[in-house]
Amino acid sequence: MEQKGVQLDRETFSCTICLDLLKDPVATPCGHSYCMNCIKSFWDEGDRKYIYSCPQCGQSFTPRPVLLKNTMLAVLVEELKKTGLQAAPADHCYAGPEDVACDFCTGRKLKAHKSCLQCLASYCDKHLQPHYESAPLKKHKLVEPSKKLQENVCSRHDEVMKMFCRTDQQLIGYLCSVEEHKGHDTVSAAAERAERQRELEGSRQNIQQRIQDREKDLKLLQQQAEAINRSADRAVEDSEKIFCELIRLLEKRSSDVEQQVRSQQKSEVSRVRELQEKLEQEITELKRKDAELKKLSHTEDHNQFLHNYPSLSPLSQSTSSIHICPLSCFEDVTAAVSEVRDKLQDVLREKRTNVSLTGTEVDVLLPQPEPKTRAGFLKYSREITLDPNTAHIKLLLSERNRKATVMRQQQSYSSHPDRFTDWWQVLSREGLTGRCYWEVERTGGVFVAVAYKDISRAGGSNECGFGYNDKSWALDCDNNSYTFNYNKVQTPISGPVSSRVGVYLDHSAGILSFYSVSETMTLLHRVQTTFTQPLYAGLMFYSSSRASAELYKLK
């Protein structure tokens, strides 16, 4: 009968005092083993004299035991050193409830380092060595430890499933491929993995590109937020300075008015007091004169009365008449200041100076998804009219400036710097930002376009033609085909030809899409770019054509 080997580890032959392998091992009377020098030093310490105990169990011995080297234990330790004594694994090396355990460890199992798809077993580092050393085992497929190895085994034939049935989209074994999956589209699991790996890599590349795009968008949003904060800080700082200057100006004006009023008050009061003194003197003189006249009037002797009458002093000239100003002499000042206040309030209430962020609102939202149905597009429909000042002289505008028709005779348009002189084109009156949608109903060949307002107007160079420069985008709608033009690059477009073309613009997201509109809407071409100015809808015609186009009035 084969004997089962006893697994010994380093901890079994280690001294609990120095934690190293036993050197000159000795045993205490209680049976525990130590290095001879370690236990002697332990007992020689000053506070333990006359008290000799075991460091592990605490049993005391009297007198001090005489220790002798355990020769057999010493030989065993030396032999085990030569044969490669294994260190005890740390606790974290053992498999826990959530770990994959080695299938070949006995007793307490170690964590598996690898799983073998051929053996359908998991191995720790020690038991994995044959897979690295044995030639047949080197060919086995090793993977990260897995608890799902049995899922690779066919439950019906008890064999490893190495094939994939594309018909039923499931893993199968070889016997399955010749029985219930016979005639199905089957390939090796490795081949299916390789194909799906390519798909996965494609998906990852797409995700990584989207991550890059979103990180770029995030960076732009962060920059935009910083720009908003800087602009707001500057606006607050500047407005504080301006209002402080305004307050200082008002305070100075208030001080000036006060000084003027007080100066005039002092002058007027001085004049009044001077007149007051003169009046008081005149009153005193008149009272004295009245007393003399009264005394004379009471003289009973007629001769004495007549004798004294000529001696009366004549009256002094009276002070000129005094005009008393109304008590409200300074009300004009109050009225003038009130008028200034009212004017200032009117200025501050005016819309053009009202401090408002309505006109400077920043769209920091991520691009919204493009509508999927015509009803969804119609939510963003815009009423657009053509600008007569931009129309070429061979284009007739009608239907309240929504329709342009190529004419043989020149139209009597007045001269205007916005007019296209050589290219048979016209732009809309309205600038387009945000999300907009409009439709063009056409007959004949027409370019349906958008352009910046600063596109050149005079001459026949490419700088003026829609789609032949970097300031315009145009879809050439021929009777039988479409071509997209931008900056002199022509891109053929496939799609159902229709007399009506829908145009969708998401200005902030930089999206411009053209649709063929009939009973359904079919995307013809989409542009993804960055628009730096408002766009204007445009129409362009071949000079030799008999065509017309109308900005369809959407309901």
Protein backbone atom coordinates (compact mmCIF):
# COMPACT_ATOMS: atom_id res chain seq x y z
CA MET A 1 0.00 0.00 0.00
CA GLU A 2 1.44 3.37 -1.04
CA GLN A 3 2.18 5.67 1.89
CA LYS A 4 0.93 9.23 1.75
CA GLY A 5 3.76 11.76 2.22
CA VAL A 6 3.57 14.20 5.09
CA GLN A 7 3.67 17.81 3.89
CA LEU A 8 6.08 19.78 6.09
CA ASP A 9 6.61 23.46 5.94
CA ARG A 10 9.15 25.97 7.26
CA GLU A 11 6.92 27.03 10.13
CA THR A 12 7.05 23.51 11.62
CA PHE A 13 10.86 23.72 12.05
CA SER A 14 11.13 27.37 13.04
CA CYS A 15 12.07 28.82 16.45
CA THR A 16 9.23 30.93 17.82
CA ILE A 17 11.78 33.34 19.39
CA CYS A 18 13.95 34.22 16.36
CA LEU A 19 11.40 32.99 13.77
CA ASP A 20 14.22 31.30 11.82
CA LEU A 21 15.01 27.61 11.25
CA LEU A 22 16.12 25.83 14.40
CA LYS A 23 19.87 25.94 15.17
CA ASP A 24 21.13 23.45 17.75
CA PRO A 25 17.54 22.57 18.62
CA VAL A 26 16.67 21.86 22.26
CA ALA A 27 13.38 21.00 23.94
CA THR A 28 12.02 22.33 27.21
CA PRO A 29 10.41 19.93 29.72
CA CYS A 30 7.00 20.91 28.33
CA GLY A 31 8.00 19.65 24.89
CA HIS A 32 8.46 22.88 22.88
CA SER A 33 11.61 23.30 20.78
CA TYR A 34 13.89 26.35 20.48
CA CYS A 35 17.34 27.32 19.30
CA MET A 36 19.71 26.69 22.23
CA ASN A 37 21.08 30.25 22.21
CA CYS A 38 17.57 31.75 21.89
CA ILE A 39 16.11 30.02 24.97
CA LYS A 40 19.27 30.60 27.05
CA SER A 41 19.20 34.33 26.23
CA PHE A 42 15.50 34.42 27.02
CA TRP A 43 16.13 32.91 30.48
CA ASP A 44 19.26 35.03 31.11
CA GLU A 45 17.36 38.32 30.96
CA GLY A 46 17.52 40.21 34.35
CA ASP A 47 13.79 40.34 35.08
CA ARG A 48 13.44 36.58 34.59
CA LYS A 49 16.15 35.34 37.01
CA TYR A 50 14.99 32.46 39.11
CA ILE A 51 11.84 32.24 36.96
CA TYR A 52 12.23 29.91 33.96
CA SER A 53 9.15 29.46 31.82
CA CYS A 54 8.27 28.33 28.28
CA PRO A 55 7.73 31.33 25.90
CA GLN A 56 4.89 29.47 24.19
CA CYS A 57 2.80 27.83 26.88
CA GLY A 58 4.09 29.77 29.94
CA GLN A 59 4.85 26.66 32.06
CA SER A 60 7.44 27.43 34.79
CA PHE A 61 10.40 25.22 35.73
CA THR A 62 12.40 25.08 38.98
CA PRO A 63 15.32 24.75 39.05
CA ARG A 64 16.55 25.97 35.64
CA PRO A 65 16.35 23.01 33.24
CA VAL A 66 19.55 21.60 31.79
CA LEU A 67 19.12 21.71 28.00
CA LEU A 68 20.72 19.21 25.67
CA LYS A 69 20.85 19.38 21.87
CA ASN A 70 18.18 17.27 20.16
CA THR A 71 20.45 15.43 17.72
CA MET A 72 17.64 13.75 15.76
CA LEU A 73 15.77 17.03 15.27
CA ALA A 74 19.00 18.79 14.23
CA VAL A 75 19.71 16.09 11.60
CA LEU A 76 16.15 16.29 10.30
CA VAL A 77 16.37 20.06 9.90
CA GLU A 78 19.67 19.76 8.01
CA GLU A 79 18.28 17.06 5.72
CA LEU A 80 15.19 19.08 4.97
CA LYS A 81 17.40 22.09 4.16
CA LYS A 82 19.17 20.00 1.53
CA THR A 83 15.96 18.63 -0.02
CA GLY A 84 14.44 22.11 -0.36
CA LEU A 85 12.18 22.90 2.52
CA GLN A 86 9.25 24.95 1.28
CA ALA A 87 8.22 28.14 3.00
CA ALA A 88 4.69 28.16 4.27
CA PRO A 89 2.42 30.09 1.94
CA ALA A 90 1.06 33.35 3.28
CA ASP A 91 -2.62 33.43 4.13
CA HIS A 92 -3.44 35.49 1.03
CA CYS A 93 -2.09 32.66 -1.17
CA TYR A 94 -4.85 30.30 -0.05
CA ALA A 95 -8.10 30.22 -2.00
CA GLY A 96 -11.07 31.99 -0.47
CA PRO A 97 -14.77 31.58 -1.25
CA GLU A 98 -14.56 33.91 -4.26
CA ASP A 99 -11.27 32.50 -5.61
CA VAL A 100 -10.59 29.64 -8.02
CA ALA A 101 -8.86 26.87 -6.04
CA CYS A 102 -6.17 24.52 -7.30
CA ASP A 103 -7.76 21.16 -8.15
CA PHE A 104 -4.62 19.23 -7.11
CA CYS A 105 -3.84 20.71 -3.67
CA THR A 106 -4.71 18.52 -0.69
CA GLY A 107 -5.86 19.92 2.60
CA ARG A 108 -6.12 23.69 2.47
CA LYS A 109 -6.09 24.57 -1.23
CA LEU A 110 -4.00 27.34 -2.77
CA LYS A 111 -5.30 29.86 -5.30
CA ALA A 112 -5.15 28.68 -8.89
CA HIS A 113 -2.63 30.48 -11.10
CA LYS A 114 -3.95 29.17 -14.43
CA SER A 115 -6.74 27.02 -15.81
CA CYS A 116 -6.16 24.51 -18.63
CA LEU A 117 -8.81 24.33 -21.34
CA GLN A 118 -7.69 20.83 -22.35
CA CYS A 119 -7.42 19.35 -18.87
CA LEU A 120 -10.46 21.31 -17.66
CA ALA A 121 -8.65 21.82 -14.37
CA SER A 122 -7.07 24.69 -12.45
CA TYR A 123 -3.53 24.69 -11.04
CA CYS A 124 -1.51 26.61 -8.47
CA ASP A 125 2.09 27.56 -9.34
CA LYS A 126 3.51 24.31 -7.96
CA HIS A 127 1.11 21.97 -9.72
CA LEU A 128 1.28 23.99 -12.93
CA GLN A 129 4.98 23.20 -13.46
CA PRO A 130 4.36 20.02 -15.54
CA HIS A 131 2.54 22.18 -18.13
CA TYR A 132 5.75 24.14 -18.56
CA GLU A 133 8.09 21.15 -18.53
CA SER A 134 6.26 18.28 -20.24
CA ALA A 135 6.27 18.46 -24.06
CA PRO A 136 2.67 17.17 -24.52
CA LEU A 137 1.32 19.50 -21.82
CA LYS A 138 3.09 22.54 -23.29
CA LYS A 139 0.59 22.44 -26.16
CA HIS A 140 -2.37 22.91 -23.82
CA LYS A 141 -4.16 26.23 -23.78
CA LEU A 142 -3.69 27.99 -20.43
CA VAL A 143 -6.00 30.85 -19.45
CA GLU A 144 -6.70 32.98 -16.40
CA PRO A 145 -8.26 30.96 -13.54
CA SER A 146 -11.91 30.24 -14.28
CA LYS A 147 -14.76 28.63 -12.38
CA LYS A 148 -16.65 28.06 -15.64
CA LEU A 149 -14.48 25.37 -17.20
CA GLN A 150 -17.35 22.90 -17.25
CA GLU A 151 -19.26 25.25 -19.52
CA ASN A 152 -16.75 24.26 -22.21
CA VAL A 153 -17.87 20.62 -22.02
CA CYS A 154 -20.74 19.30 -24.12
CA SER A 155 -23.28 17.91 -21.66
CA ARG A 156 -24.45 15.35 -24.23
CA HIS A 157 -21.16 13.91 -25.46
CA ASP A 158 -18.93 14.87 -22.51
CA GLU A 159 -16.29 16.37 -24.81
CA VAL A 160 -14.67 19.78 -25.00
CA MET A 161 -16.60 22.06 -27.35
CA LYS A 162 -14.12 23.32 -29.93
CA MET A 163 -16.52 24.29 -32.70
CA PHE A 164 -19.14 27.00 -33.24
CA CYS A 165 -22.45 26.64 -35.05
CA ARG A 166 -23.22 29.90 -36.82
CA THR A 167 -26.67 28.64 -37.75
CA ASP A 168 -27.71 28.20 -34.11
CA GLN A 169 -25.18 30.66 -32.68
CA GLN A 170 -23.79 28.27 -30.07
CA LEU A 171 -20.64 26.35 -29.12
CA ILE A 172 -20.68 22.65 -30.00
CA GLY A 173 -18.39 19.61 -29.92
CA TYR A 174 -17.18 17.61 -32.90
CA LEU A 175 -19.82 14.91 -32.40
CA CYS A 176 -22.52 17.58 -32.28
CA SER A 177 -21.38 18.86 -35.69
CA VAL A 178 -21.99 15.46 -37.31
CA GLU A 179 -25.23 14.73 -35.52
CA GLU A 180 -27.86 17.33 -34.55
CA HIS A 181 -25.89 20.20 -36.20
CA LYS A 182 -25.14 18.28 -39.39
CA GLY A 183 -25.44 20.51 -42.44
CA HIS A 184 -25.21 23.69 -40.39
CA ASP A 185 -22.68 26.45 -40.97
CA THR A 186 -19.98 25.39 -38.51
CA VAL A 187 -16.45 26.68 -37.97
CA SER A 188 -13.82 26.19 -35.32
CA ALA A 189 -14.27 28.17 -32.14
CA ALA A 190 -10.90 29.79 -32.84
CA ALA A 191 -12.05 30.97 -36.30
CA GLU A 192 -15.29 32.39 -34.89
CA ARG A 193 -13.33 34.06 -32.10
CA ALA A 194 -10.94 35.60 -34.65
CA GLU A 195 -13.84 37.06 -36.66
CA ARG A 196 -15.63 38.39 -33.61
CA GLN A 197 -12.32 39.70 -32.33
CA ARG A 198 -12.05 41.78 -35.49
CA GLU A 199 -15.58 43.07 -34.91
CA LEU A 200 -14.69 43.79 -31.31
CA GLU A 201 -11.59 45.71 -32.34
CA GLY A 202 -13.70 47.70 -34.78
CA SER A 203 -16.17 48.47 -32.01
CA ARG A 204 -13.32 49.44 -29.69
CA GLN A 205 -11.87 51.76 -32.30
CA ASN A 206 -15.29 53.34 -32.72
CA ILE A 207 -15.67 53.72 -28.95
CA GLN A 208 -12.14 55.08 -28.59
CA GLN A 209 -12.83 57.59 -31.36
CA ARG A 210 -16.03 58.62 -29.63
CA ILE A 211 -14.11 58.93 -26.36
CA GLN A 212 -11.58 61.18 -28.09
CA ASP A 213 -14.39 63.23 -29.63
CA ARG A 214 -16.18 63.55 -26.30
CA GLU A 215 -12.93 64.42 -24.51
CA LYS A 216 -12.33 67.07 -27.16
CA ASP A 217 -15.90 68.33 -26.65
CA LEU A 218 -15.35 68.26 -22.90
CA LYS A 219 -12.15 70.28 -23.29
CA LEU A 220 -13.99 72.78 -25.49
CA LEU A 221 -16.75 73.05 -22.89
CA GLN A 222 -14.18 73.57 -20.15
CA GLN A 223 -12.50 76.27 -22.23
CA GLN A 224 -15.91 77.80 -22.91
CA ALA A 225 -16.76 77.77 -19.20
CA GLU A 226 -13.42 79.42 -18.43
CA ALA A 227 -14.03 82.00 -21.15
CA ILE A 228 -17.51 82.69 -19.75
CA ASN A 229 -16.07 83.12 -16.26
CA ARG A 230 -13.32 85.43 -17.50
CA SER A 231 -15.78 87.49 -19.53
CA ALA A 232 -18.22 87.69 -16.61
CA ASP A 233 -15.43 88.71 -14.22
CA ARG A 234 -14.28 91.43 -16.61
CA ALA A 235 -17.85 92.64 -17.11
CA VAL A 236 -18.46 92.83 -13.34
CA GLU A 237 -15.14 94.57 -12.76
CA ASP A 238 -15.69 97.06 -15.59
CA SER A 239 -19.30 97.74 -14.60
CA GLU A 240 -18.21 98.35 -11.00
CA LYS A 241 -15.64 100.89 -12.22
CA ILE A 242 -18.17 102.59 -14.49
CA PHE A 243 -20.83 102.75 -11.79
CA CYS A 244 -18.24 104.04 -9.31
CA GLU A 245 -17.32 106.76 -11.79
CA LEU A 246 -21.00 107.51 -12.28
CA ILE A 247 -21.53 107.68 -8.52
CA ARG A 248 -18.51 109.98 -8.13
CA LEU A 249 -19.86 112.17 -10.94
CA LEU A 250 -23.28 112.34 -9.27
CA GLU A 251 -21.68 113.10 -5.90
CA LYS A 252 -19.61 115.89 -7.46
CA ARG A 253 -22.65 117.28 -9.23
CA SER A 254 -24.60 117.12 -5.97
CA SER A 255 -21.79 118.98 -4.20
CA ASP A 256 -21.69 121.64 -6.94
CA VAL A 257 -25.44 122.15 -6.74
CA GLU A 258 -25.24 122.41 -2.96
CA GLN A 259 -22.45 124.99 -3.15
CA GLN A 260 -24.35 127.04 -5.73
CA VAL A 261 -27.54 126.96 -3.66
CA ARG A 262 -25.71 127.88 -0.45
CA SER A 263 -23.82 130.70 -2.19
CA GLN A 264 -27.02 132.12 -3.64
CA GLN A 265 -28.73 131.63 -0.27
CA LYS A 266 -26.01 133.64 1.48
CA SER A 267 -26.16 136.43 -1.12
CA GLU A 268 -29.96 136.66 -1.00
CA VAL A 269 -30.12 136.58 2.78
CA SER A 270 -27.47 139.35 2.97
CA ARG A 271 -29.45 141.53 0.56
CA VAL A 272 -32.66 140.91 2.53
CA ARG A 273 -30.98 141.83 5.83
CA GLU A 274 -29.58 145.05 4.34
CA LEU A 275 -33.05 146.04 3.24
CA GLN A 276 -34.33 145.01 6.63
CA GLU A 277 -31.99 147.43 8.39
CA LYS A 278 -32.99 150.30 6.09
CA LEU A 279 -36.66 149.62 6.73
CA GLU A 280 -36.11 149.52 10.47
CA GLN A 281 -34.31 152.93 10.35
CA GLU A 282 -37.11 154.41 8.22
CA ILE A 283 -39.76 153.10 10.62
CA THR A 284 -37.90 154.68 13.58
CA GLU A 285 -37.73 158.06 11.82
CA LEU A 286 -41.38 157.89 10.83
CA LYS A 287 -42.42 157.11 14.39
CA ARG A 288 -40.39 160.07 15.69
CA LYS A 289 -41.97 162.37 13.06
CA ASP A 290 -45.40 161.04 13.92
CA ALA A 291 -44.80 161.89 17.58
CA GLU A 292 -43.86 165.49 16.66
CA LEU A 293 -46.96 165.86 14.53
CA LYS A 294 -49.11 164.39 17.25
CA LYS A 295 -47.69 166.82 19.79
CA LEU A 296 -48.25 169.78 17.48
CA SER A 297 -51.76 168.64 16.71
CA HIS A 298 -52.61 168.81 20.42
CA THR A 299 -51.41 172.49 20.80
CA GLU A 300 -54.40 174.60 21.90
CA ASP A 301 -52.85 177.97 21.20
CA HIS A 302 -53.54 178.77 17.60
CA ASN A 303 -50.72 181.26 17.37
CA GLN A 304 -48.25 178.76 18.83
CA PHE A 305 -49.40 176.04 16.40
CA LEU A 306 -48.88 178.33 13.42
CA HIS A 307 -45.57 179.51 14.77
CA ASN A 308 -44.18 175.93 15.20
CA TYR A 309 -45.66 174.33 12.07
CA PRO A 310 -43.08 175.74 9.58
CA SER A 311 -40.25 174.51 11.80
CA LEU A 312 -41.19 170.82 11.27
CA SER A 313 -38.45 168.94 9.40
CA PRO A 314 -39.56 167.52 6.08
CA LEU A 315 -39.90 163.74 5.66
CA SER A 316 -36.85 161.94 4.22
CA GLN A 317 -37.28 160.13 0.95
CA SER A 318 -38.85 156.69 1.42
CA THR A 319 -37.07 153.50 0.52
CA SER A 320 -38.06 152.21 -2.87
CA SER A 321 -40.73 149.57 -3.05
CA ILE A 322 -39.59 146.09 -2.05
CA HIS A 323 -40.64 143.11 -4.11
CA ILE A 324 -40.92 140.00 -1.98
CA CYS A 325 -39.99 136.76 -3.85
CA PRO A 326 -42.22 133.77 -3.27
CA LEU A 327 -41.06 131.37 -0.61
CA SER A 328 -40.47 128.75 -3.32
CA CYS A 329 -37.53 130.64 -4.83
CA PHE A 330 -35.35 127.46 -4.90
CA GLU A 331 -38.00 125.10 -6.19
CA ASP A 332 -36.59 125.56 -9.68
CA VAL A 333 -33.41 123.85 -8.49
CA THR A 334 -35.40 120.89 -7.14
CA ALA A 335 -37.29 120.67 -10.41
CA ALA A 336 -34.06 120.75 -12.43
CA VAL A 337 -32.48 117.98 -10.31
CA SER A 338 -35.68 115.93 -10.58
CA GLU A 339 -35.56 116.32 -14.34
CA VAL A 340 -31.97 115.03 -14.37
CA ARG A 341 -33.05 112.08 -12.23
CA ASP A 342 -35.94 111.26 -14.56
CA LYS A 343 -33.69 111.41 -17.63
CA LEU A 344 -31.13 109.12 -15.99
CA GLN A 345 -33.86 106.65 -15.06
CA ASP A 346 -35.13 106.71 -18.63
CA VAL A 347 -31.64 105.99 -19.95
CA LEU A 348 -31.15 103.11 -17.51
CA ARG A 349 -34.55 101.67 -18.45
CA GLU A 350 -33.83 101.68 -22.17
CA LYS A 351 -33.43 98.21 -23.70
CA ARG A 352 -30.11 98.97 -25.32
CA THR A 353 -28.44 99.74 -21.99
CA ASN A 354 -30.30 97.19 -19.89
CA VAL A 355 -27.84 94.77 -18.31
CA SER A 356 -29.12 91.45 -19.61
CA LEU A 357 -27.53 88.18 -20.65
CA THR A 358 -30.38 87.25 -22.99
CA GLY A 359 -28.49 88.26 -26.09
CA THR A 360 -25.24 86.69 -24.98
CA GLU A 361 -26.52 83.32 -23.86
CA VAL A 362 -23.97 80.63 -24.63
CA ASP A 363 -25.12 77.26 -25.86
CA VAL A 364 -22.97 74.79 -23.97
CA LEU A 365 -25.24 71.81 -24.47
CA LEU A 366 -24.05 68.75 -26.26
CA PRO A 367 -25.42 68.28 -29.80
CA GLN A 368 -29.02 67.09 -29.85
CA PRO A 369 -29.90 64.07 -31.99
CA GLU A 370 -31.13 64.80 -35.49
CA PRO A 371 -34.88 64.26 -35.96
CA LYS A 372 -35.93 60.94 -37.50
CA THR A 373 -39.25 61.91 -39.10
CA ARG A 374 -40.50 64.82 -41.18
CA ALA A 375 -42.80 65.78 -38.32
CA GLY A 376 -39.72 66.01 -36.13
CA PHE A 377 -37.98 68.26 -38.67
CA LEU A 378 -41.04 70.49 -39.02
CA LYS A 379 -40.65 71.50 -35.37
CA TYR A 380 -37.63 73.50 -36.51
CA SER A 381 -39.14 74.94 -39.70
CA ARG A 382 -38.23 78.55 -40.50
CA GLU A 383 -40.07 81.10 -42.61
CA ILE A 384 -37.38 82.18 -45.09
CA THR A 385 -37.62 84.83 -47.82
CA LEU A 386 -35.20 85.79 -50.59
CA ASP A 387 -33.36 89.12 -50.50
CA PRO A 388 -33.99 91.13 -53.73
CA ASN A 389 -30.79 93.10 -53.10
CA THR A 390 -28.75 89.92 -53.63
CA ALA A 391 -30.59 88.48 -56.67
CA HIS A 392 -28.83 88.34 -60.07
CA ILE A 393 -30.53 90.54 -62.64
CA LYS A 394 -31.72 87.48 -64.62
CA LEU A 395 -33.63 86.08 -61.64
CA LEU A 396 -37.27 87.03 -61.09
CA LEU A 397 -38.47 86.90 -57.49
CA SER A 398 -42.14 86.17 -56.83
CA GLU A 399 -44.50 84.58 -54.30
CA ARG A 400 -43.60 87.28 -51.78
CA ASN A 401 -39.89 86.77 -52.44
CA ARG A 402 -39.97 83.02 -51.79
CA LYS A 403 -39.59 81.91 -55.43
CA ALA A 404 -36.79 82.58 -57.94
CA THR A 405 -37.19 81.94 -61.70
CA VAL A 406 -34.58 82.16 -64.46
CA MET A 407 -35.63 84.80 -67.02
CA ARG A 408 -34.27 85.75 -70.47
CA GLN A 409 -34.72 89.46 -69.94
CA GLN A 410 -33.01 91.45 -67.23
CA GLN A 411 -34.98 92.57 -64.22
CA SER A 412 -35.12 96.22 -63.23
CA TYR A 413 -33.26 95.87 -59.95
CA SER A 414 -31.54 98.91 -58.51
CA SER A 415 -27.79 98.87 -58.09
CA HIS A 416 -26.72 97.36 -54.77
CA PRO A 417 -23.34 96.20 -53.37
CA ASP A 418 -24.89 92.90 -52.14
CA ARG A 419 -26.03 91.83 -55.63
CA PHE A 420 -24.36 88.89 -57.40
CA THR A 421 -23.13 90.30 -60.70
CA ASP A 422 -22.08 87.18 -62.64
CA TRP A 423 -23.29 84.09 -60.82
CA TRP A 424 -27.05 83.49 -61.16
CA GLN A 425 -27.61 83.32 -57.42
CA VAL A 426 -29.71 84.76 -54.60
CA LEU A 427 -29.43 84.64 -50.79
CA SER A 428 -32.07 84.73 -48.09
CA ARG A 429 -32.86 87.84 -46.13
CA GLU A 430 -32.74 85.97 -42.82
CA GLY A 431 -29.55 84.79 -41.09
CA LEU A 432 -29.79 81.24 -39.72
CA THR A 433 -28.43 80.03 -36.38
CA GLY A 434 -29.53 77.40 -33.90
CA ARG A 435 -31.60 74.52 -35.32
CA CYS A 436 -33.45 75.26 -38.58
CA TYR A 437 -35.26 73.30 -41.29
CA TRP A 438 -36.58 74.41 -44.68
CA GLU A 439 -37.57 72.81 -47.99
CA VAL A 440 -36.96 73.84 -51.59
CA GLU A 441 -39.41 72.87 -54.37
CA ARG A 442 -37.60 72.98 -57.72
CA THR A 443 -38.05 72.49 -61.44
CA GLY A 444 -34.91 71.92 -63.48
CA GLY A 445 -31.33 72.03 -62.27
CA VAL A 446 -30.87 74.02 -59.07
CA PHE A 447 -28.10 74.36 -56.48
CA VAL A 448 -29.60 74.32 -52.96
CA ALA A 449 -27.02 76.06 -50.80
CA VAL A 450 -26.06 77.87 -47.61
CA ALA A 451 -23.38 80.56 -47.38
CA TYR A 452 -21.81 83.14 -45.12
CA LYS A 453 -22.96 86.70 -45.65
CA ASP A 454 -19.44 87.91 -46.48
CA ILE A 455 -19.17 85.70 -49.60
CA SER A 456 -17.90 87.75 -52.55
CA ARG A 457 -20.58 89.19 -54.86
CA ALA A 458 -18.87 90.93 -57.79
CA GLY A 459 -17.28 89.01 -60.67
CA GLY A 460 -17.30 85.49 -61.98
CA SER A 461 -14.50 83.98 -59.84
CA ASN A 462 -14.96 80.90 -57.68
CA GLU A 463 -14.98 83.16 -54.62
CA CYS A 464 -18.56 84.09 -55.54
CA GLY A 465 -20.06 80.74 -56.62
CA PHE A 466 -21.93 78.56 -54.13
CA GLY A 467 -19.90 75.42 -53.39
CA TYR A 468 -16.71 76.68 -55.04
CA ASN A 469 -15.12 78.24 -51.95
CA ASP A 470 -14.82 77.73 -48.20
CA LYS A 471 -17.69 80.11 -47.44
CA SER A 472 -20.53 78.11 -48.96
CA TRP A 473 -21.93 74.57 -49.20
CA ALA A 474 -24.16 73.51 -52.11
CA LEU A 475 -26.11 70.45 -53.29
CA ASP A 476 -26.34 70.38 -57.10
CA CYS A 477 -29.79 68.94 -57.84
CA ASP A 478 -29.84 67.83 -61.47
CA ASN A 479 -32.82 66.10 -63.04
CA ASN A 480 -31.22 62.68 -62.65
CA SER A 481 -28.51 62.95 -59.98
CA TYR A 482 -27.03 64.87 -57.06
CA THR A 483 -23.55 66.28 -56.44
CA PHE A 484 -22.33 67.96 -53.27
CA ASN A 485 -19.92 70.88 -53.73
CA TYR A 486 -17.64 72.50 -51.17
CA ASN A 487 -14.44 74.49 -51.78
CA LYS A 488 -14.24 73.27 -55.42
CA VAL A 489 -14.47 69.57 -54.32
CA GLN A 490 -17.34 67.71 -55.99
CA THR A 491 -18.77 64.58 -54.33
CA PRO A 492 -21.28 62.43 -56.28
CA ILE A 493 -24.33 61.57 -54.15
CA SER A 494 -26.63 58.59 -54.63
CA GLY A 495 -30.26 58.73 -53.58
CA PRO A 496 -33.82 58.99 -54.86
CA VAL A 497 -34.27 62.03 -57.11
CA SER A 498 -37.13 64.25 -55.97
CA SER A 499 -38.42 67.69 -56.88
CA ARG A 500 -38.21 68.71 -53.23
CA VAL A 501 -35.07 68.97 -51.09
CA GLY A 502 -35.11 69.37 -47.30
CA VAL A 503 -32.28 71.16 -45.53
CA TYR A 504 -31.57 70.71 -41.80
CA LEU A 505 -29.10 72.95 -39.96
CA ASP A 506 -27.83 72.58 -36.39
CA HIS A 507 -25.52 75.59 -36.35
CA SER A 508 -23.97 75.12 -32.89
CA ALA A 509 -23.33 71.41 -33.53
CA GLY A 510 -21.87 72.13 -36.99
CA ILE A 511 -24.35 69.80 -38.76
CA LEU A 512 -25.77 70.49 -42.24
CA SER A 513 -27.93 67.75 -43.82
CA PHE A 514 -29.71 67.49 -47.18
CA TYR A 515 -32.74 65.21 -47.65
CA SER A 516 -34.72 63.99 -50.62
CA VAL A 517 -38.35 64.62 -49.66
CA SER A 518 -41.27 62.70 -51.18
CA GLU A 519 -43.57 60.40 -49.27
CA THR A 520 -40.57 59.62 -47.10
CA MET A 521 -37.35 61.46 -46.27
CA THR A 522 -34.02 60.04 -47.44
CA LEU A 523 -30.70 61.44 -46.25
CA LEU A 524 -28.58 62.48 -49.24
CA HIS A 525 -25.56 64.03 -47.56
CA ARG A 526 -24.50 65.25 -44.13
CA VAL A 527 -21.76 67.76 -43.32
CA GLN A 528 -20.00 67.85 -39.93
CA THR A 529 -17.92 70.99 -39.48
CA THR A 530 -17.67 74.18 -37.40
CA PHE A 531 -19.67 77.22 -38.51
CA THR A 532 -18.09 80.53 -37.53
CA GLN A 533 -20.83 82.89 -38.74
CA PRO A 534 -24.61 82.85 -39.25
CA LEU A 535 -25.60 81.09 -42.49
CA TYR A 536 -27.95 82.29 -45.22
CA ALA A 537 -30.04 80.01 -47.45
CA GLY A 538 -29.09 80.28 -51.12
CA LEU A 539 -30.23 79.22 -54.60
CA MET A 540 -28.04 79.02 -57.71
CA PHE A 541 -29.01 78.31 -61.33
CA TYR A 542 -27.18 77.46 -64.52
CA SER A 543 -27.26 80.46 -66.84
CA SER A 544 -28.53 78.34 -69.73
CA SER A 545 -31.30 76.62 -67.79
CA ARG A 546 -35.00 77.27 -67.53
CA ALA A 547 -35.44 76.52 -63.90
CA SER A 548 -37.14 77.81 -60.83
CA ALA A 549 -37.01 77.11 -57.12
CA GLU A 550 -39.29 78.07 -54.27
CA LEU A 551 -38.71 78.12 -50.53
CA TYR A 552 -41.69 75.93 -49.71
CA LYS A 553 -44.06 77.33 -47.11
CA LEU A 554 -44.21 74.68 -44.40
CA LYS A 555 -47.32 74.24 -42.28
